[in-house]
């Protein structure tokens, strides 16, 4: 790999302006294409193979329109006023009549005939039904709904909107904060404006290209709003890190007296090899999300993987070209030269090795203390509960949150998570089936089962072979008791199906969320096993060692558990909620653990490669395992620490967006990198490597003969062809 990248670096140096212009054309061209074909993203999430999704598919086939998206229009007035006055009713009727005129609207209920007026008379809501899923509702239809409340508002009635149809995009440009922090870190660390700007410009070029590609793909692929957010988050973080690694090696080569052309080729070959491997690990982890067999998660994984591929391509093409344009100006200032010279001086090395020296004096204590600390941080994860955010998770200034709270106040928490029981008799119901259904329905309607607040009248499709029964739980959408109620209904339905042949399902957004969480929980062990297996195999090939992969896997697992413990502590248990602006404590985002497992795997392997490959390089020079740990750590700790701080800053900047999904993702990834980089890789890893000694680099001869030698350290550059 090294010789190939050496030649590539040299080519980019000779054709630097062509490379820069090519990337500029790619970004601008993709922006133009995206602007002409883009389509709206969606907040809807579905999983084929779940009972709730099967029921929705059945409804779309047998009862068109009944399984489509819904929104709630919530009307409210302050006490002691009520909505029962003629003026208020007329204003509400006018508002609903305007909504019915929209061509995409299938039906609109009347609160006064549908019994959706609170006992106090202050709160009422209407349900707006669409015959299509959320992803197919046009932006104009969505905006028309949001603008429909003017007649009611003119009469002094507050109007709010709930449901996924009107779910507002609350993502703000908080990534700018992360970029600014990254710039400050680079400026302080490298004492050069060019050195601070170059990795940022390269990363922004990669992220810009990726974002426009994803925007263009919305014309052919249904993407959730989180897809592009995740891709930007990952693209920025790894793009800055990878560019920084190549630039750092280039600066070192310049101060050692190499000409810029040689320095660029060598930096691309050595650090570029590490970047390619690190990117490959992230790529594999993200693409492996497809094994979970959940479409929206597969799309998210592939989008983020695309961002990583672009970041790697930028690092080994655009970065060398930019380095060629900057040349020796990266180290032109006196301060920059003094810093680089000091970094290679014995005095600085002695200072930089004080920390690792302290670790190596008590390696057993360091490893044990690290394990105990991480297990303590991970302990809240024992109570981890998965779910999907609802309107109650939104900030209080959002109309969806106000609608959610008003419905809970007027009708109980369960009204925000209605269930829909679908009873289907293929070929039409027999007299025995009709009798069984009406008898059972009469019994449960008269005596509500535990956990049920109300049961609506059955709604028949035109063929009379399918009935819908609305069920309102006592508890909210993310309450464990609601999930238990769904399980109880399904158990009774299964018994009825065996006896009478009636196919019965429980669906609705709440049931769909419960099924999604259950399927994701079941997929976690399989995905973790795939990732761990890949981790061992990849590191075995790269480091040609048995103990290094085992150590890396154990550290990675501890990092994942600790990050999950931290996010559970804050977002589920509610600690420090005001600090992180958590609107309301609740279950952890159901797909967050799987994303964390995949993303942190790649990022953890980045730092493992950056640190341990340098240790292996030093060991290959003099064969002293203790000195290899010290020298390798001293040579790579600064760039790893800088890269980790930058990545943490990028992820942490997303914590303060109002969107609960983005907020929890940013927090969990920031904590994961913080723990893995500074506790595991930069503290526990050197201690463990010192304990292993020469055994750290042991590999059975049978393995050594068959494993390829990737030469991540660039040991074969001496025989590389000239650039």
Foldseek 3Di string as FASTA:
>chain_A
DLLVLLVLLLVCLVVLVVLVVVLVCLLVVLLVLLVVQFADAFADFFFPPFQQVVVLVVCCVFPQQPSAFKKKKKKFADPPDACPDPLNLVLVVQLVVQLVPPPQWDDKDDQVVVVQAFPSRGMGMIMTTGRHYLLPDHPVNLVSNVPSNVSNVVVVIDIFMAGRNNPDDQFDPLLVQLLVVLLVLQCVLQVANLSSVLLQVLLVSLLSSLLSVVRSCNSPDHAHPVLNVLLSLLSNQLLSLLLNQLVVQLLLCVLVPDFSSSSSSNSCSQSLLLLVLLLVLLLVLLCLLCVLVGVNSNSSSVSNNSSSVSSSVSNSNNSSSSCSVCTCVSQPDPVSSVVSVLLPDPVNLVVLLPQVVVCQVCLVVLQVVLLVVLCVLLVQLVVADAWADGLCQFAPVHSNVVSQVSSCVRPNQQVSFKKKKKKFDPPAADPVRVVVVVVVVVVCQVPPDPQWPHKADWDAHPVRGMTIIITGGNHHLQDVVVVVVQVVVVVVQVVVCVVRVIDMGMYGPSSSRSSLLVSLVVCVVVSLVVSLVVQQVSCCQAQVANVLSVLLSVLLVSLLSSLSSNLCVPQAVPPCCVVLVRSDHGHDHSCLSSVCSSNLSSVLVSLSCQQVVQLSVVCVVPVWQLVSLSVSCSVRVVSLVSSLSSSLSSLCSQLNRSDPNSNSNSSSNSSSSVCSSVSRRNRNVSSVSSVCTPNRRDHDPVCVVPRDHSPSNSPVVVVRDDD
